[in-house]
Amino acid sequence: MSVRNWNAYAGTSRPAVSKKRLLLASNGNLRYQFKTPYRDGTTHVFFEPLDFIAHLPALVPKPRVNLTRFHGVFASNAKHRALVTPPKRGRGNKARVVEERPSPAERRASMTWAKRLKRVCNIDIKTCSECTGVVKVIACIEDPKVIRQILDNLRQKA
């Protein structure tokens, strides 16, 4: 991954605590300043270093848990969600029988691999990195044997 792509990727993940508002006090304690003061006027708190580290796990989200929760028609089980979301997903979408499971190809069909690369890693393969012109994808090679042959051939030429 190039430096440019890593910077774009790293910018999407946010730390649990802002480093700008965390300072080391003269007595060795950590001072954390709140973004906005509390109602009682509290603007910052002091922690001993080990106490601060003990509070950090509570700020880290559990794996595979959505951090964005939707309510109303955007909730995952909303009756009218299929009418307002672009992919027409939701409980109100009766296009498929409940017992019928989508094939792997149908599940991947909603987003191409190029779109996934752009969404996850911020890599736009449809734009040339040299001239910023449009690049046309002419083939998608997925067979491991063919990929290995191509890479071996490129290694021999190098």
N, C-alpha and C. Protein backbone atom coordinates (compact mmCIF):
# COMPACT_ATOMS: atom_id res chain seq x y z
N MET A 1 0.86 -1.17 0.00
CA MET A 1 0.00 0.00 0.00
C MET A 1 0.91 1.23 0.00
N SER A 2 0.64 2.17 -0.87
CA SER A 2 1.47 3.35 -0.95
C SER A 2 1.21 4.28 0.22
N VAL A 3 2.11 5.25 0.41
CA VAL A 3 1.97 6.19 1.51
C VAL A 3 0.69 7.00 1.38
N ARG A 4 0.37 7.40 0.15
CA ARG A 4 -0.84 8.18 -0.08
C ARG A 4 -2.09 7.39 0.32
N ASN A 5 -2.12 6.12 -0.08
CA ASN A 5 -3.27 5.28 0.25
C ASN A 5 -3.33 4.99 1.74
N TRP A 6 -2.16 4.79 2.37
CA TRP A 6 -2.15 4.52 3.81
C TRP A 6 -2.67 5.74 4.57
N ASN A 7 -2.28 6.93 4.16
CA ASN A 7 -2.75 8.14 4.84
C ASN A 7 -4.27 8.27 4.71
N ALA A 8 -4.80 7.92 3.56
CA ALA A 8 -6.24 7.98 3.37
C ALA A 8 -6.93 6.93 4.22
N TYR A 9 -6.33 5.74 4.32
CA TYR A 9 -6.91 4.67 5.13
C TYR A 9 -6.82 5.01 6.62
N ALA A 10 -5.67 5.49 7.05
CA ALA A 10 -5.48 5.81 8.47
C ALA A 10 -6.39 6.95 8.90
N GLY A 11 -6.74 7.83 7.98
CA GLY A 11 -7.62 8.94 8.32
C GLY A 11 -9.05 8.50 8.59
N THR A 12 -9.42 7.30 8.12
CA THR A 12 -10.78 6.85 8.33
C THR A 12 -10.99 6.24 9.70
N SER A 13 -9.91 5.73 10.31
CA SER A 13 -10.06 5.14 11.64
C SER A 13 -9.73 6.20 12.69
N ARG A 14 -10.63 6.39 13.62
CA ARG A 14 -10.49 7.43 14.61
C ARG A 14 -10.04 6.85 15.93
N PRO A 15 -9.09 7.48 16.62
CA PRO A 15 -8.66 6.95 17.91
C PRO A 15 -9.75 7.15 18.96
N ALA A 16 -9.66 6.38 20.05
CA ALA A 16 -10.66 6.47 21.11
C ALA A 16 -10.54 7.78 21.89
N VAL A 17 -9.34 8.35 21.94
CA VAL A 17 -9.09 9.56 22.72
C VAL A 17 -8.32 10.54 21.84
N SER A 18 -8.68 11.82 21.91
CA SER A 18 -7.99 12.84 21.13
C SER A 18 -6.63 13.16 21.77
N LYS A 19 -5.57 13.02 20.98
CA LYS A 19 -4.24 13.31 21.51
C LYS A 19 -4.04 14.80 21.78
N LYS A 20 -4.78 15.64 21.06
CA LYS A 20 -4.64 17.09 21.24
C LYS A 20 -5.10 17.51 22.63
N ARG A 21 -6.07 16.78 23.18
CA ARG A 21 -6.63 17.18 24.48
C ARG A 21 -6.05 16.39 25.65
N LEU A 22 -5.06 15.54 25.38
CA LEU A 22 -4.44 14.73 26.42
C LEU A 22 -3.05 15.29 26.71
N LEU A 23 -2.81 15.68 27.95
CA LEU A 23 -1.53 16.27 28.33
C LEU A 23 -0.98 15.57 29.56
N LEU A 24 0.33 15.56 29.68
CA LEU A 24 0.99 15.02 30.86
C LEU A 24 1.23 16.17 31.83
N ALA A 25 0.64 16.07 33.01
CA ALA A 25 0.78 17.13 34.01
C ALA A 25 2.15 17.04 34.67
N SER A 26 2.54 18.11 35.39
CA SER A 26 3.87 18.17 36.03
C SER A 26 4.03 17.11 37.12
N ASN A 27 2.94 16.67 37.74
CA ASN A 27 3.05 15.66 38.81
C ASN A 27 3.01 14.23 38.26
N GLY A 28 3.00 14.04 36.95
CA GLY A 28 3.02 12.71 36.34
C GLY A 28 1.65 12.17 35.98
N ASN A 29 0.58 12.86 36.36
CA ASN A 29 -0.76 12.43 36.01
C ASN A 29 -1.12 12.89 34.60
N LEU A 30 -2.12 12.27 34.03
CA LEU A 30 -2.59 12.66 32.70
C LEU A 30 -3.80 13.56 32.85
N ARG A 31 -3.83 14.64 32.08
CA ARG A 31 -4.93 15.59 32.10
C ARG A 31 -5.66 15.49 30.77
N TYR A 32 -6.95 15.17 30.83
CA TYR A 32 -7.75 15.08 29.61
C TYR A 32 -8.80 16.19 29.63
N GLN A 33 -8.78 17.03 28.59
CA GLN A 33 -9.71 18.14 28.48
C GLN A 33 -10.91 17.71 27.65
N PHE A 34 -12.11 17.98 28.13
CA PHE A 34 -13.33 17.63 27.41
C PHE A 34 -13.53 18.55 26.21
N LYS A 35 -14.24 18.05 25.22
CA LYS A 35 -14.54 18.85 24.03
C LYS A 35 -15.43 20.03 24.40
N THR A 36 -16.45 19.77 25.21
CA THR A 36 -17.32 20.83 25.71
C THR A 36 -17.46 20.65 27.22
N PRO A 37 -17.56 21.74 27.97
CA PRO A 37 -17.67 21.62 29.43
C PRO A 37 -18.97 20.93 29.84
N TYR A 38 -18.89 20.21 30.97
CA TYR A 38 -20.09 19.61 31.55
C TYR A 38 -21.00 20.69 32.10
N ARG A 39 -22.23 20.33 32.45
CA ARG A 39 -23.18 21.30 33.00
C ARG A 39 -22.67 21.94 34.28
N ASP A 40 -21.93 21.15 35.08
CA ASP A 40 -21.43 21.69 36.34
C ASP A 40 -20.16 22.52 36.17
N GLY A 41 -19.69 22.69 34.93
CA GLY A 41 -18.52 23.51 34.65
C GLY A 41 -17.21 22.74 34.53
N THR A 42 -17.24 21.42 34.70
CA THR A 42 -16.03 20.61 34.61
C THR A 42 -15.49 20.65 33.18
N THR A 43 -14.23 21.04 33.03
CA THR A 43 -13.63 21.14 31.70
C THR A 43 -12.58 20.06 31.45
N HIS A 44 -12.04 19.45 32.51
CA HIS A 44 -11.03 18.41 32.34
C HIS A 44 -10.99 17.49 33.55
N VAL A 45 -10.35 16.33 33.36
CA VAL A 45 -10.19 15.36 34.45
C VAL A 45 -8.73 14.93 34.50
N PHE A 46 -8.30 14.50 35.69
CA PHE A 46 -6.94 14.00 35.89
C PHE A 46 -6.99 12.50 36.16
N PHE A 47 -6.07 11.76 35.57
CA PHE A 47 -5.95 10.32 35.78
C PHE A 47 -4.51 9.98 36.11
N GLU A 48 -4.32 8.96 36.94
CA GLU A 48 -2.99 8.36 37.05
C GLU A 48 -2.81 7.52 35.80
N PRO A 49 -1.57 7.34 35.32
CA PRO A 49 -1.38 6.63 34.05
C PRO A 49 -2.03 5.24 34.00
N LEU A 50 -1.90 4.43 35.06
CA LEU A 50 -2.51 3.10 35.03
C LEU A 50 -4.04 3.18 35.07
N ASP A 51 -4.56 4.14 35.78
CA ASP A 51 -6.00 4.32 35.84
C ASP A 51 -6.55 4.72 34.47
N PHE A 52 -5.80 5.57 33.77
CA PHE A 52 -6.19 5.99 32.42
C PHE A 52 -6.23 4.79 31.48
N ILE A 53 -5.19 3.95 31.55
CA ILE A 53 -5.14 2.76 30.69
C ILE A 53 -6.29 1.81 31.02
N ALA A 54 -6.67 1.74 32.29
CA ALA A 54 -7.79 0.87 32.68
C ALA A 54 -9.12 1.36 32.12
N HIS A 55 -9.25 2.67 31.88
CA HIS A 55 -10.49 3.22 31.31
C HIS A 55 -10.57 3.08 29.79
N LEU A 56 -9.46 2.86 29.11
CA LEU A 56 -9.46 2.80 27.64
C LEU A 56 -10.28 1.66 27.06
N PRO A 57 -10.25 0.44 27.60
CA PRO A 57 -11.02 -0.64 26.96
C PRO A 57 -12.52 -0.34 26.86
N ALA A 58 -13.05 0.46 27.75
CA ALA A 58 -14.47 0.79 27.66
C ALA A 58 -14.78 1.63 26.44
N LEU A 59 -13.78 2.32 25.88
CA LEU A 59 -14.00 3.17 24.71
C LEU A 59 -13.85 2.42 23.39
N VAL A 60 -13.27 1.23 23.43
CA VAL A 60 -13.05 0.45 22.21
C VAL A 60 -14.31 -0.35 21.91
N PRO A 61 -14.88 -0.22 20.70
CA PRO A 61 -16.12 -0.95 20.39
C PRO A 61 -15.87 -2.45 20.27
N LYS A 62 -16.91 -3.23 20.54
CA LYS A 62 -16.82 -4.67 20.39
C LYS A 62 -16.70 -5.02 18.92
N PRO A 63 -16.05 -6.13 18.58
CA PRO A 63 -15.91 -6.50 17.16
C PRO A 63 -17.25 -6.83 16.53
N ARG A 64 -17.38 -6.50 15.26
CA ARG A 64 -18.56 -6.78 14.44
C ARG A 64 -19.84 -6.15 14.99
N VAL A 65 -19.73 -5.02 15.67
CA VAL A 65 -20.90 -4.30 16.15
C VAL A 65 -20.96 -2.97 15.42
N ASN A 66 -22.10 -2.67 14.82
CA ASN A 66 -22.25 -1.41 14.11
C ASN A 66 -22.20 -0.24 15.08
N LEU A 67 -21.42 0.77 14.75
CA LEU A 67 -21.34 1.95 15.59
C LEU A 67 -22.44 2.95 15.27
N THR A 68 -23.01 2.82 14.09
CA THR A 68 -24.12 3.69 13.70
C THR A 68 -25.42 2.93 13.86
N ARG A 69 -26.32 3.47 14.63
CA ARG A 69 -27.61 2.81 14.84
C ARG A 69 -28.68 3.64 14.15
N PHE A 70 -29.54 2.98 13.41
CA PHE A 70 -30.58 3.68 12.67
C PHE A 70 -31.93 3.44 13.34
N HIS A 71 -32.78 4.46 13.30
CA HIS A 71 -34.11 4.37 13.88
C HIS A 71 -35.12 4.80 12.82
N GLY A 72 -36.38 4.50 13.05
CA GLY A 72 -37.43 4.89 12.11
C GLY A 72 -37.37 4.04 10.86
N VAL A 73 -37.59 4.66 9.70
CA VAL A 73 -37.63 3.89 8.45
C VAL A 73 -36.25 3.39 8.04
N PHE A 74 -35.17 3.92 8.61
CA PHE A 74 -33.83 3.46 8.27
C PHE A 74 -33.36 2.30 9.13
N ALA A 75 -34.12 1.90 10.13
CA ALA A 75 -33.76 0.76 10.98
C ALA A 75 -33.78 -0.51 10.14
N SER A 76 -32.97 -1.49 10.50
CA SER A 76 -32.82 -2.69 9.68
C SER A 76 -34.11 -3.49 9.54
N ASN A 77 -34.99 -3.46 10.52
CA ASN A 77 -36.23 -4.22 10.44
C ASN A 77 -37.45 -3.36 10.13
N ALA A 78 -37.25 -2.15 9.69
CA ALA A 78 -38.38 -1.25 9.43
C ALA A 78 -39.22 -1.76 8.25
N LYS A 79 -40.51 -1.62 8.38
CA LYS A 79 -41.43 -2.13 7.37
C LYS A 79 -41.25 -1.43 6.02
N HIS A 80 -41.00 -0.13 6.02
CA HIS A 80 -40.91 0.65 4.78
C HIS A 80 -39.47 0.97 4.37
N ARG A 81 -38.49 0.26 4.94
CA ARG A 81 -37.08 0.54 4.63
C ARG A 81 -36.77 0.35 3.14
N ALA A 82 -37.35 -0.66 2.53
CA ALA A 82 -37.08 -0.95 1.12
C ALA A 82 -37.52 0.20 0.23
N LEU A 83 -38.45 1.03 0.68
CA LEU A 83 -38.94 2.14 -0.13
C LEU A 83 -37.99 3.34 -0.10
N VAL A 84 -37.15 3.43 0.93
CA VAL A 84 -36.31 4.63 1.07
C VAL A 84 -34.82 4.37 0.93
N THR A 85 -34.38 3.10 0.91
CA THR A 85 -32.96 2.81 0.76
C THR A 85 -32.65 2.44 -0.68
N PRO A 86 -31.50 2.85 -1.21
CA PRO A 86 -31.18 2.62 -2.62
C PRO A 86 -31.16 1.15 -3.05
N PRO A 87 -30.55 0.21 -2.31
CA PRO A 87 -30.51 -1.16 -2.82
C PRO A 87 -31.84 -1.92 -2.69
N LYS A 88 -32.88 -1.26 -2.16
CA LYS A 88 -34.20 -1.87 -1.99
C LYS A 88 -34.13 -3.08 -1.06
N ARG A 89 -33.32 -2.96 -0.01
CA ARG A 89 -33.23 -4.01 1.00
C ARG A 89 -34.13 -3.66 2.17
N GLY A 90 -34.50 -4.64 2.93
CA GLY A 90 -35.31 -4.40 4.10
C GLY A 90 -36.47 -5.36 4.18
N ARG A 91 -37.20 -5.28 5.26
CA ARG A 91 -38.29 -6.21 5.51
C ARG A 91 -39.41 -6.05 4.49
N GLY A 92 -39.62 -4.86 3.98
CA GLY A 92 -40.71 -4.61 3.04
C GLY A 92 -40.44 -5.13 1.64
N ASN A 93 -39.22 -5.57 1.34
CA ASN A 93 -38.87 -6.06 0.02
C ASN A 93 -39.30 -7.52 -0.10
N LYS A 94 -40.35 -7.79 -0.87
CA LYS A 94 -40.89 -9.14 -1.00
C LYS A 94 -40.46 -9.79 -2.32
N ALA A 95 -39.37 -9.34 -2.91
CA ALA A 95 -38.95 -9.86 -4.20
C ALA A 95 -38.48 -11.32 -4.12
N ARG A 96 -37.96 -11.74 -2.96
CA ARG A 96 -37.41 -13.07 -2.82
C ARG A 96 -38.15 -13.82 -1.72
N VAL A 97 -38.34 -15.10 -1.88
CA VAL A 97 -38.98 -15.92 -0.85
C VAL A 97 -38.01 -16.03 0.32
N VAL A 98 -38.51 -16.05 1.54
CA VAL A 98 -37.67 -16.04 2.74
C VAL A 98 -36.76 -17.26 2.79
N GLU A 99 -37.25 -18.46 2.41
CA GLU A 99 -36.45 -19.68 2.49
C GLU A 99 -35.35 -19.71 1.44
N GLU A 100 -35.51 -18.96 0.36
CA GLU A 100 -34.55 -18.97 -0.73
C GLU A 100 -33.33 -18.12 -0.36
N ARG A 101 -32.16 -18.76 -0.31
CA ARG A 101 -30.94 -18.04 0.03
C ARG A 101 -30.29 -17.51 -1.24
N PRO A 102 -29.77 -16.27 -1.21
CA PRO A 102 -29.11 -15.75 -2.41
C PRO A 102 -27.80 -16.49 -2.65
N SER A 103 -27.46 -16.66 -3.91
CA SER A 103 -26.20 -17.31 -4.25
C SER A 103 -25.06 -16.34 -3.94
N PRO A 104 -23.83 -16.86 -3.82
CA PRO A 104 -22.69 -15.96 -3.57
C PRO A 104 -22.54 -14.89 -4.65
N ALA A 105 -22.85 -15.24 -5.88
CA ALA A 105 -22.75 -14.27 -6.97
C ALA A 105 -23.77 -13.15 -6.79
N GLU A 106 -24.98 -13.50 -6.34
CA GLU A 106 -25.99 -12.47 -6.11
C GLU A 106 -25.59 -11.54 -4.97
N ARG A 107 -24.95 -12.09 -3.94
CA ARG A 107 -24.54 -11.26 -2.81
C ARG A 107 -23.42 -10.29 -3.22
N ARG A 108 -22.54 -10.73 -4.11
CA ARG A 108 -21.45 -9.85 -4.55
C ARG A 108 -21.89 -8.87 -5.63
N ALA A 109 -23.01 -9.14 -6.28
CA ALA A 109 -23.43 -8.34 -7.43
C ALA A 109 -23.76 -6.90 -7.05
N SER A 110 -24.04 -6.65 -5.79
CA SER A 110 -24.42 -5.29 -5.41
C SER A 110 -23.25 -4.32 -5.51
N MET A 111 -22.02 -4.80 -5.40
CA MET A 111 -20.87 -3.91 -5.46
C MET A 111 -19.71 -4.61 -6.17
N THR A 112 -19.13 -3.97 -7.17
CA THR A 112 -18.00 -4.56 -7.88
C THR A 112 -16.75 -4.48 -7.03
N TRP A 113 -15.72 -5.26 -7.39
CA TRP A 113 -14.48 -5.25 -6.61
C TRP A 113 -13.80 -3.89 -6.72
N ALA A 114 -13.96 -3.21 -7.84
CA ALA A 114 -13.36 -1.88 -7.99
C ALA A 114 -14.00 -0.89 -7.02
N LYS A 115 -15.32 -0.98 -6.89
CA LYS A 115 -16.02 -0.11 -5.94
C LYS A 115 -15.63 -0.44 -4.50
N ARG A 116 -15.45 -1.73 -4.22
CA ARG A 116 -15.04 -2.13 -2.87
C ARG A 116 -13.65 -1.61 -2.54
N LEU A 117 -12.72 -1.69 -3.50
CA LEU A 117 -11.37 -1.16 -3.28
C LEU A 117 -11.41 0.33 -2.98
N LYS A 118 -12.22 1.05 -3.74
CA LYS A 118 -12.33 2.49 -3.53
C LYS A 118 -12.96 2.80 -2.18
N ARG A 119 -13.97 2.03 -1.80
CA ARG A 119 -14.67 2.28 -0.55
C ARG A 119 -13.83 1.93 0.67
N VAL A 120 -13.16 0.78 0.65
CA VAL A 120 -12.43 0.30 1.82
C VAL A 120 -11.03 0.90 1.93
N CYS A 121 -10.28 0.90 0.84
CA CYS A 121 -8.88 1.33 0.88
C CYS A 121 -8.64 2.67 0.21
N ASN A 122 -9.68 3.29 -0.33
CA ASN A 122 -9.56 4.55 -1.05
C ASN A 122 -8.59 4.44 -2.23
N ILE A 123 -8.65 3.30 -2.92
CA ILE A 123 -7.83 3.07 -4.11
C ILE A 123 -8.78 3.11 -5.30
N ASP A 124 -8.62 4.09 -6.17
CA ASP A 124 -9.48 4.22 -7.34
C ASP A 124 -8.73 3.66 -8.54
N ILE A 125 -9.06 2.41 -8.91
CA ILE A 125 -8.35 1.79 -10.03
C ILE A 125 -8.87 2.26 -11.37
N LYS A 126 -9.95 3.01 -11.37
CA LYS A 126 -10.47 3.53 -12.64
C LYS A 126 -9.87 4.87 -13.01
N THR A 127 -8.94 5.38 -12.17
CA THR A 127 -8.26 6.64 -12.46
C THR A 127 -6.76 6.38 -12.46
N CYS A 128 -6.08 6.81 -13.52
CA CYS A 128 -4.64 6.62 -13.65
C CYS A 128 -3.92 7.49 -12.62
N SER A 129 -2.98 6.89 -11.88
CA SER A 129 -2.24 7.64 -10.86
C SER A 129 -1.21 8.59 -11.48
N GLU A 130 -0.83 8.35 -12.73
CA GLU A 130 0.16 9.20 -13.40
C GLU A 130 -0.47 10.45 -14.01
N CYS A 131 -1.53 10.24 -14.82
CA CYS A 131 -2.10 11.35 -15.58
C CYS A 131 -3.52 11.71 -15.14
N THR A 132 -4.06 11.00 -14.17
CA THR A 132 -5.44 11.16 -13.68
C THR A 132 -6.50 10.97 -14.77
N GLY A 133 -6.13 10.23 -15.82
CA GLY A 133 -7.09 9.91 -16.87
C GLY A 133 -7.92 8.70 -16.50
N VAL A 134 -8.92 8.40 -17.30
CA VAL A 134 -9.81 7.27 -17.04
C VAL A 134 -9.14 5.98 -17.50
N VAL A 135 -9.16 4.95 -16.66
CA VAL A 135 -8.60 3.64 -16.98
C VAL A 135 -9.76 2.68 -17.19
N LYS A 136 -9.68 1.89 -18.25
CA LYS A 136 -10.72 0.92 -18.54
C LYS A 136 -10.25 -0.47 -18.11
N VAL A 137 -11.04 -1.16 -17.34
CA VAL A 137 -10.72 -2.52 -16.91
C VAL A 137 -11.08 -3.45 -18.06
N ILE A 138 -10.07 -4.18 -18.58
CA ILE A 138 -10.33 -5.05 -19.73
C ILE A 138 -10.44 -6.52 -19.33
N ALA A 139 -9.95 -6.89 -18.13
CA ALA A 139 -10.04 -8.28 -17.70
C ALA A 139 -9.99 -8.35 -16.19
N CYS A 140 -10.61 -9.39 -15.68
CA CYS A 140 -10.58 -9.67 -14.25
C CYS A 140 -10.17 -11.13 -14.10
N ILE A 141 -8.92 -11.35 -13.74
CA ILE A 141 -8.39 -12.71 -13.65
C ILE A 141 -8.52 -13.18 -12.20
N GLU A 142 -9.28 -14.25 -12.00
CA GLU A 142 -9.52 -14.76 -10.66
C GLU A 142 -8.97 -16.17 -10.45
N ASP A 143 -8.55 -16.84 -11.51
CA ASP A 143 -8.03 -18.20 -11.40
C ASP A 143 -6.62 -18.15 -10.81
N PRO A 144 -6.37 -18.80 -9.67
CA PRO A 144 -5.05 -18.74 -9.02
C PRO A 144 -3.91 -19.26 -9.90
N LYS A 145 -4.18 -20.29 -10.72
CA LYS A 145 -3.13 -20.82 -11.60
C LYS A 145 -2.68 -19.77 -12.61
N VAL A 146 -3.64 -19.09 -13.20
CA VAL A 146 -3.32 -18.07 -14.21
C VAL A 146 -2.59 -16.90 -13.55
N ILE A 147 -3.03 -16.50 -12.38
CA ILE A 147 -2.37 -15.40 -11.66
C ILE A 147 -0.92 -15.78 -11.35
N ARG A 148 -0.71 -17.02 -10.90
CA ARG A 148 0.64 -17.47 -10.57
C ARG A 148 1.54 -17.47 -11.82
N GLN A 149 1.00 -17.91 -12.96
CA GLN A 149 1.77 -17.92 -14.20
C GLN A 149 2.17 -16.50 -14.61
N ILE A 150 1.23 -15.57 -14.50
CA ILE A 150 1.52 -14.17 -14.88
C ILE A 150 2.59 -13.59 -13.97
N LEU A 151 2.46 -13.81 -12.66
CA LEU A 151 3.45 -13.26 -11.71
C LEU A 151 4.81 -13.91 -11.91
N ASP A 152 4.87 -15.22 -12.16
CA ASP A 152 6.15 -15.88 -12.43
C ASP A 152 6.80 -15.32 -13.68
N ASN A 153 6.00 -15.06 -14.70
CA ASN A 153 6.50 -14.48 -15.94
C ASN A 153 7.07 -13.09 -15.71
N LEU A 154 6.37 -12.29 -14.89
CA LEU A 154 6.86 -10.94 -14.59
C LEU A 154 8.14 -10.97 -13.78
N ARG A 155 8.27 -11.95 -12.87
CA ARG A 155 9.50 -12.07 -12.07
C ARG A 155 10.69 -12.45 -12.96
N GLN A 156 10.44 -13.31 -13.96
CA GLN A 156 11.51 -13.72 -14.87
C GLN A 156 12.00 -12.53 -15.70
N LYS A 157 11.10 -11.65 -16.11
CA LYS A 157 11.48 -10.49 -16.91
C LYS A 157 12.22 -9.45 -16.09
N ALA A 158 11.97 -9.39 -14.77
CA ALA A 158 12.57 -8.36 -13.92
C ALA A 158 14.00 -8.65 -13.57
